[in-house]
Amino acid sequence: MNWIRKIGFFTAFIIPGLVILGYYLGGYWNYIAIIDVFFILPFIDHFIGTDTSNVPEEKAKLISNEFYYRFVTYVWTYFQFGFVIWGGYVIGFGTMTTWVEWIGFTLGFSLVTGGIGITVAHELGHKKSSLERFYSKVLLMTTCYMHFYIEHNRGHHVLVATPEDPATATKNETFYAFWVKSVFKGYVHAWHIENERLKRIGKSAFSIHNNMIWFTILPILFGALLTAIFSLMAGTILWSVAAFFFAQSILGFTLLELVNYVEHYGILRKEVSPGRYERVTPIHSWNASHLISNFFLFQLQRHSDHHANAIKRYQVLNHYDESPQLPAGYPTMIMIALVPPLWFGLMNSRLEKWHGEQELG
């Protein structure tokens, strides 16, 4: 079974493969990755179902330390960096001539950089290794969301399932309202966290030591550099390259926020005293142990264990029966989240049941 899992995590590369294939086939084929992720994958996910088995405790440390699983994420980092450069090139010099192709290509592209790329960045950003943290920042740079490195690790994981967390959706909050809150308040909160860090070590917020300055500038510089290089090659300014880079970035981090919305919708920790909340446990995030989509997302859907044990590597995250369970994997839940009446109809009864169980507990 271990070798199946090892191969399974490489299935994430199917999505960029479909984007590339769709581009070279042309026309409506540019939508093949979208069809795969939001129609074919949910069907397979439902047909195969969940896998609630866990790595045996006596093997967890050994498997956690296996280089293979880190290697997959390292390969993804180099691949995505090259993939973004390729995307800019085909936008500037390729064969797409219609808006239908351009939109399909950009949407599919964002599934790679945002849907999977930010997931890998999330995994790497939690680790102690300076190399893995560097790779996390590189991936986030390609989607213009570098502040996530600060806000997620030092903000969201501290405040999750409380009213103070921008990345925790409240009951009856639509995804669209949540997007505004999480994107803008999260960015501002990341500045606050970084400024507080600098104050503690006696550094000025207006200095090269402020990571938020770099995290704001670097994605813009990267997009500008891509545009400049391809414009020099073309002998004219290729504004389409810049438009593509920032469009796929916005779509990419929108996918991230859709995942955030799904993972934490309505879950609240008990306030044990003013401003203090109970410890985060596996009951404080929605969980989904659907086998196939977890391969594509490096077991991000076992989110309950991730929040209870943030440093654990993706390959050894556990399923907990006591965690609130999503009725489907993320691809299906993301589509439902885009239609608020459907989302509320599906999730509010489950949320109320969860709250009732906490009150009884």
Protein backbone atom coordinates (compact mmCIF):
# COMPACT_ATOMS: atom_id res chain seq x y z
CA MET A 1 0.00 0.00 0.00
CA ASN A 2 2.90 2.38 0.72
CA TRP A 3 4.15 2.21 -2.87
CA ILE A 4 0.65 3.07 -4.15
CA ARG A 5 0.67 6.19 -1.99
CA LYS A 6 4.12 7.12 -3.22
CA ILE A 7 3.00 6.96 -6.84
CA GLY A 8 -0.31 8.60 -5.96
CA PHE A 9 1.25 11.88 -4.88
CA PHE A 10 2.80 12.30 -8.32
CA THR A 11 -0.72 12.39 -9.81
CA ALA A 12 -0.71 16.13 -9.07
CA PHE A 13 1.38 16.49 -12.23
CA ILE A 14 -1.58 15.28 -14.31
CA ILE A 15 -3.22 18.72 -14.02
CA PRO A 16 -0.37 20.75 -15.58
CA GLY A 17 -0.01 17.98 -18.15
CA LEU A 18 -3.62 18.58 -19.19
CA VAL A 19 -3.05 22.36 -19.34
CA ILE A 20 -0.10 21.81 -21.68
CA LEU A 21 -2.01 19.26 -23.77
CA GLY A 22 -5.03 21.56 -24.00
CA TYR A 23 -2.90 24.44 -25.21
CA TYR A 24 -1.29 22.45 -28.01
CA LEU A 25 -4.62 20.95 -29.10
CA GLY A 26 -6.09 24.45 -29.12
CA GLY A 27 -9.61 25.84 -28.97
CA TYR A 28 -11.96 24.44 -26.35
CA TRP A 29 -9.32 21.87 -25.39
CA ASN A 30 -7.92 24.62 -23.18
CA TYR A 31 -10.73 23.76 -20.76
CA ILE A 32 -9.71 20.12 -20.37
CA ALA A 33 -7.96 20.70 -17.01
CA ILE A 34 -11.04 22.47 -15.63
CA ILE A 35 -13.30 19.62 -16.76
CA ASP A 36 -10.95 17.10 -15.19
CA VAL A 37 -10.72 18.88 -11.81
CA PHE A 38 -14.35 19.88 -11.37
CA PHE A 39 -16.23 17.09 -13.16
CA ILE A 40 -14.12 13.97 -13.72
CA LEU A 41 -12.17 14.09 -10.44
CA PRO A 42 -15.29 14.54 -8.24
CA PHE A 43 -16.89 11.55 -9.99
CA ILE A 44 -13.81 9.38 -9.40
CA ASP A 45 -13.57 10.72 -5.85
CA HIS A 46 -17.16 9.72 -5.15
CA PHE A 47 -16.81 6.32 -6.83
CA ILE A 48 -13.60 5.34 -4.99
CA GLY A 49 -14.65 6.99 -1.74
CA THR A 50 -12.71 7.70 1.43
CA ASP A 51 -9.62 6.15 2.91
CA THR A 52 -9.70 6.48 6.70
CA SER A 53 -6.64 4.34 7.36
CA ASN A 54 -3.69 5.93 9.15
CA VAL A 55 0.03 5.23 9.08
CA PRO A 56 0.75 2.95 12.06
CA GLU A 57 2.23 4.92 14.92
CA GLU A 58 5.37 2.78 15.01
CA LYS A 59 6.07 3.55 11.33
CA ALA A 60 5.07 7.23 11.32
CA LYS A 61 8.51 8.61 12.22
CA LEU A 62 10.26 6.47 9.60
CA ILE A 63 7.83 7.44 6.83
CA SER A 64 7.88 11.07 7.92
CA ASN A 65 11.66 11.14 7.40
CA GLU A 66 11.64 9.45 3.99
CA PHE A 67 13.26 11.80 1.48
CA TYR A 68 10.97 10.61 -1.33
CA TYR A 69 8.01 12.61 -0.04
CA ARG A 70 10.09 15.80 0.22
CA PHE A 71 11.50 15.07 -3.24
CA VAL A 72 8.00 15.22 -4.76
CA THR A 73 7.49 18.73 -3.35
CA TYR A 74 10.96 19.84 -4.46
CA VAL A 75 10.28 18.65 -8.00
CA TRP A 76 6.99 20.53 -7.97
CA THR A 77 8.74 23.77 -6.96
CA TYR A 78 11.18 23.65 -9.89
CA PHE A 79 8.44 22.52 -12.23
CA GLN A 80 6.07 25.34 -11.29
CA PHE A 81 8.76 27.98 -11.67
CA GLY A 82 9.44 26.75 -15.20
CA PHE A 83 5.73 26.31 -15.88
CA VAL A 84 5.03 29.98 -15.12
CA ILE A 85 7.83 31.03 -17.49
CA TRP A 86 6.40 28.72 -20.17
CA GLY A 87 2.94 30.23 -19.59
CA GLY A 88 4.26 33.74 -20.14
CA TYR A 89 6.03 32.61 -23.29
CA VAL A 90 3.01 31.00 -24.92
CA ILE A 91 0.86 34.01 -24.05
CA GLY A 92 3.37 36.29 -25.73
CA PHE A 93 4.37 34.14 -28.71
CA GLY A 94 1.85 31.30 -28.88
CA THR A 95 -1.07 30.44 -31.10
CA MET A 96 -4.05 31.51 -28.98
CA THR A 97 -6.14 34.00 -30.93
CA THR A 98 -9.50 34.13 -29.12
CA TRP A 99 -10.73 35.15 -25.68
CA VAL A 100 -12.27 31.70 -25.28
CA GLU A 101 -8.82 30.11 -25.52
CA TRP A 102 -7.15 32.76 -23.36
CA ILE A 103 -9.73 32.40 -20.57
CA GLY A 104 -9.65 28.61 -20.62
CA PHE A 105 -5.87 28.54 -20.57
CA THR A 106 -5.62 31.03 -17.70
CA LEU A 107 -8.29 29.28 -15.61
CA GLY A 108 -6.61 25.93 -16.12
CA PHE A 109 -3.22 27.44 -15.38
CA SER A 110 -4.45 28.78 -12.05
CA LEU A 111 -5.52 25.28 -11.01
CA VAL A 112 -1.83 24.38 -11.19
CA THR A 113 -0.22 27.43 -9.60
CA GLY A 114 -2.95 28.14 -7.05
CA GLY A 115 -4.80 24.88 -6.54
CA ILE A 116 -1.72 22.68 -6.24
CA GLY A 117 1.20 25.12 -6.08
CA ILE A 118 -0.04 27.02 -3.03
CA THR A 119 -0.88 23.67 -1.42
CA VAL A 120 2.76 22.64 -1.83
CA ALA A 121 3.90 26.07 -0.59
CA HIS A 122 1.66 25.58 2.44
CA GLU A 123 3.27 22.20 3.18
CA LEU A 124 6.83 23.51 2.78
CA GLY A 125 6.21 26.72 4.70
CA HIS A 126 5.44 24.79 7.89
CA LYS A 127 8.78 22.99 7.97
CA LYS A 128 11.93 23.85 9.92
CA SER A 129 14.26 23.39 6.94
CA SER A 130 15.42 26.71 5.50
CA LEU A 131 15.46 25.14 2.02
CA GLU A 132 11.83 24.09 2.25
CA ARG A 133 10.82 27.50 3.55
CA PHE A 134 12.68 29.12 0.65
CA TYR A 135 10.86 26.89 -1.85
CA SER A 136 7.57 27.88 -0.20
CA LYS A 137 8.33 31.55 -0.79
CA VAL A 138 9.29 30.92 -4.42
CA LEU A 139 5.96 29.20 -5.08
CA LEU A 140 4.00 31.97 -3.35
CA MET A 141 5.89 34.58 -5.39
CA THR A 142 4.54 33.03 -8.60
CA THR A 143 0.99 33.65 -7.35
CA CYS A 144 1.51 37.10 -5.77
CA TYR A 145 0.59 35.77 -2.31
CA MET A 146 3.83 35.84 -0.38
CA HIS A 147 2.26 37.40 2.72
CA PHE A 148 0.49 34.05 3.19
CA TYR A 149 3.82 32.72 4.51
CA ILE A 150 3.51 35.06 7.50
CA GLU A 151 -0.24 35.29 7.92
CA HIS A 152 -0.88 31.57 7.68
CA ASN A 153 1.88 30.35 9.98
CA ARG A 154 1.83 33.08 12.61
CA GLY A 155 -1.71 34.39 12.23
CA HIS A 156 -4.17 31.77 11.02
CA HIS A 157 -2.70 28.89 13.04
CA VAL A 158 -2.88 30.98 16.20
CA LEU A 159 -6.36 32.45 15.65
CA VAL A 160 -8.09 29.66 13.69
CA ALA A 161 -11.72 29.04 14.62
CA THR A 162 -12.07 32.38 16.40
CA PRO A 163 -13.79 35.64 15.34
CA GLU A 164 -10.35 37.28 15.12
CA ASP A 165 -9.18 35.04 12.26
CA PRO A 166 -9.76 36.52 8.78
CA ALA A 167 -9.37 33.03 7.26
CA THR A 168 -12.21 31.48 9.29
CA ALA A 169 -15.60 31.96 7.63
CA THR A 170 -18.54 32.61 9.93
CA LYS A 171 -21.92 30.88 9.65
CA ASN A 172 -24.03 32.29 6.78
CA GLU A 173 -21.08 34.26 5.40
CA THR A 174 -20.96 33.85 1.63
CA PHE A 175 -17.69 32.98 -0.04
CA TYR A 176 -17.70 36.34 -1.81
CA ALA A 177 -17.87 38.30 1.45
CA PHE A 178 -15.30 35.95 2.94
CA TRP A 179 -12.92 36.51 0.00
CA VAL A 180 -12.83 40.26 0.65
CA LYS A 181 -12.28 39.74 4.39
CA SER A 182 -9.63 37.06 4.08
CA VAL A 183 -7.63 38.66 1.26
CA PHE A 184 -7.51 42.23 2.54
CA LYS A 185 -7.64 41.72 6.31
CA GLY A 186 -5.16 38.85 5.99
CA TYR A 187 -2.72 41.09 4.13
CA VAL A 188 -3.04 43.89 6.69
CA HIS A 189 -2.69 41.40 9.56
CA ALA A 190 0.51 40.04 8.02
CA TRP A 191 1.96 43.58 8.14
CA HIS A 192 0.95 43.84 11.79
CA ILE A 193 2.58 40.51 12.65
CA GLU A 194 5.80 41.41 10.86
CA ASN A 195 5.96 44.90 12.38
CA GLU A 196 5.53 43.39 15.84
CA ARG A 197 8.37 40.94 15.14
CA LEU A 198 10.67 43.76 14.10
CA LYS A 199 9.74 45.79 17.17
CA ARG A 200 10.71 42.87 19.42
CA ILE A 201 14.17 42.63 17.87
CA GLY A 202 14.72 46.38 17.76
CA LYS A 203 14.51 46.82 13.98
CA SER A 204 12.65 49.50 12.06
CA ALA A 205 9.54 48.56 10.10
CA PHE A 206 10.94 50.70 7.26
CA SER A 207 14.05 48.64 6.61
CA ILE A 208 15.36 45.78 4.51
CA HIS A 209 14.62 43.51 7.49
CA ASN A 210 10.86 43.84 6.92
CA ASN A 211 9.80 40.71 5.05
CA MET A 212 6.46 42.24 4.10
CA ILE A 213 8.19 44.88 2.02
CA TRP A 214 10.00 42.14 0.10
CA PHE A 215 6.90 39.95 -0.09
CA THR A 216 4.96 42.82 -1.65
CA ILE A 217 7.65 43.88 -4.12
CA LEU A 218 9.07 40.54 -5.30
CA PRO A 219 5.96 39.22 -7.11
CA ILE A 220 5.58 42.55 -8.93
CA LEU A 221 9.25 42.48 -9.91
CA PHE A 222 8.92 38.88 -11.08
CA GLY A 223 5.90 39.71 -13.24
CA ALA A 224 7.67 42.79 -14.60
CA LEU A 225 10.81 40.78 -15.36
CA LEU A 226 8.83 38.16 -17.28
CA THR A 227 7.14 40.90 -19.26
CA ALA A 228 10.41 42.74 -19.92
CA ILE A 229 12.30 39.65 -21.13
CA PHE A 230 9.58 38.50 -23.52
CA SER A 231 8.99 42.08 -24.68
CA LEU A 232 12.67 42.42 -25.57
CA MET A 233 12.46 39.15 -27.49
CA ALA A 234 9.37 40.38 -29.36
CA GLY A 235 10.62 43.91 -29.97
CA THR A 236 7.42 45.37 -28.53
CA ILE A 237 5.81 45.64 -25.11
CA LEU A 238 3.80 42.47 -24.43
CA TRP A 239 1.20 43.73 -21.98
CA SER A 240 -0.58 40.40 -22.42
CA VAL A 241 2.21 38.66 -20.45
CA ALA A 242 1.75 40.97 -17.47
CA ALA A 243 -2.05 40.64 -17.68
CA PHE A 244 -1.75 36.86 -17.75
CA PHE A 245 0.69 36.70 -14.82
CA PHE A 246 -1.47 38.79 -12.52
CA ALA A 247 -4.72 37.20 -13.71
CA GLN A 248 -3.51 33.67 -12.96
CA SER A 249 -2.22 34.93 -9.60
CA ILE A 250 -5.61 36.35 -8.61
CA LEU A 251 -7.39 33.20 -9.75
CA GLY A 252 -4.78 31.09 -7.97
CA PHE A 253 -5.13 32.72 -4.58
CA THR A 254 -8.91 32.78 -5.04
CA LEU A 255 -8.72 28.99 -5.17
CA LEU A 256 -6.73 29.08 -1.95
CA GLU A 257 -9.41 31.21 -0.31
CA LEU A 258 -12.11 28.85 -1.53
CA VAL A 259 -10.23 26.06 0.23
CA ASN A 260 -9.91 28.19 3.39
CA TYR A 261 -13.65 28.83 3.26
CA VAL A 262 -14.44 25.13 2.96
CA GLU A 263 -11.94 24.04 5.63
CA HIS A 264 -13.13 26.29 8.44
CA TYR A 265 -16.71 27.33 7.66
CA GLY A 266 -18.54 28.18 10.89
CA ILE A 267 -16.21 26.27 13.24
CA LEU A 268 -15.52 28.14 16.48
CA ARG A 269 -13.41 27.26 19.51
CA LYS A 270 -14.85 27.87 22.96
CA GLU A 271 -13.72 31.07 24.67
CA VAL A 272 -12.38 29.96 28.06
CA SER A 273 -11.74 33.54 29.26
CA PRO A 274 -11.88 36.96 27.56
CA GLY A 275 -9.64 36.75 24.49
CA ARG A 276 -8.45 33.20 25.29
CA TYR A 277 -9.72 30.09 23.53
CA GLU A 278 -9.51 26.37 24.05
CA ARG A 279 -6.58 24.57 22.46
CA VAL A 280 -6.88 23.62 18.79
CA THR A 281 -7.74 19.94 18.36
CA PRO A 282 -8.82 17.75 15.41
CA ILE A 283 -12.46 18.78 15.96
CA HIS A 284 -11.75 22.38 14.92
CA SER A 285 -11.49 21.97 11.13
CA TRP A 286 -13.62 20.27 8.52
CA ASN A 287 -12.01 17.05 7.33
CA ALA A 288 -12.20 15.04 4.11
CA SER A 289 -10.39 11.74 3.66
CA HIS A 290 -11.36 11.17 0.04
CA LEU A 291 -8.53 9.10 -1.41
CA ILE A 292 -8.03 10.47 -4.92
CA SER A 293 -8.39 14.20 -4.28
CA ASN A 294 -6.05 13.81 -1.30
CA PHE A 295 -3.37 12.49 -3.64
CA PHE A 296 -3.71 15.59 -5.82
CA LEU A 297 -3.67 17.90 -2.79
CA PHE A 298 -0.94 16.21 -0.73
CA GLN A 299 -3.48 15.23 1.94
CA LEU A 300 -4.43 18.83 2.63
CA GLN A 301 -7.98 17.57 3.12
CA ARG A 302 -6.88 15.84 6.32
CA HIS A 303 -6.94 19.34 7.63
CA SER A 304 -8.07 18.51 11.13
CA ASP A 305 -4.81 16.76 11.98
CA HIS A 306 -2.81 19.48 10.25
CA HIS A 307 -4.19 22.15 12.56
CA ALA A 308 -3.75 20.00 15.64
CA ASN A 309 -0.19 19.08 14.60
CA ALA A 310 0.99 21.74 12.16
CA ILE A 311 4.56 20.49 11.74
CA LYS A 312 3.52 16.96 10.66
CA ARG A 313 4.40 16.08 7.09
CA TYR A 314 1.61 15.46 4.64
CA GLN A 315 2.29 11.74 4.21
CA VAL A 316 1.60 10.92 7.88
CA LEU A 317 -1.45 13.09 8.56
CA ASN A 318 -4.16 11.12 10.33
CA HIS A 319 -7.90 10.76 9.83
CA TYR A 320 -10.01 11.31 12.94
CA ASP A 321 -13.57 10.02 13.08
CA GLU A 322 -14.44 12.69 15.65
CA SER A 323 -13.52 15.51 13.27
CA PRO A 324 -16.41 17.19 11.44
CA GLN A 325 -16.53 15.49 8.04
CA LEU A 326 -17.22 17.14 4.70
CA PRO A 327 -19.70 15.27 2.49
CA ALA A 328 -17.29 15.38 -0.47
CA GLY A 329 -13.72 16.27 -1.41
CA TYR A 330 -12.53 19.82 -2.06
CA PRO A 331 -13.20 19.92 -5.84
CA THR A 332 -16.90 19.22 -5.24
CA MET A 333 -17.15 21.46 -2.18
CA ILE A 334 -15.48 24.37 -3.99
CA MET A 335 -18.12 24.31 -6.73
CA ILE A 336 -20.91 24.23 -4.14
CA ALA A 337 -19.31 27.09 -2.17
CA LEU A 338 -19.64 29.31 -5.24
CA VAL A 339 -23.46 29.02 -4.97
CA PRO A 340 -24.34 30.30 -1.46
CA PRO A 341 -27.91 28.87 -1.23
CA LEU A 342 -26.58 25.40 -2.11
CA TRP A 343 -23.71 25.76 0.34
CA PHE A 344 -25.87 26.90 3.23
CA GLY A 345 -28.43 24.19 2.51
CA LEU A 346 -25.75 21.51 2.56
CA MET A 347 -23.50 22.74 5.36
CA ASN A 348 -25.59 24.64 7.93
CA SER A 349 -27.35 21.54 9.24
CA ARG A 350 -23.99 19.80 9.61
CA LEU A 351 -22.55 22.85 11.35
CA GLU A 352 -25.50 23.05 13.76
CA LYS A 353 -25.08 19.36 14.57
CA TRP A 354 -21.38 19.95 15.30
CA HIS A 355 -22.15 22.90 17.59
CA GLY A 356 -24.80 20.83 19.36
CA GLU A 357 -22.28 18.06 19.99
CA GLN A 358 -19.80 20.57 21.44
CA GLU A 359 -22.40 21.98 23.81
CA LEU A 360 -23.26 18.47 25.02
CA GLY A 361 -19.55 17.69 25.36
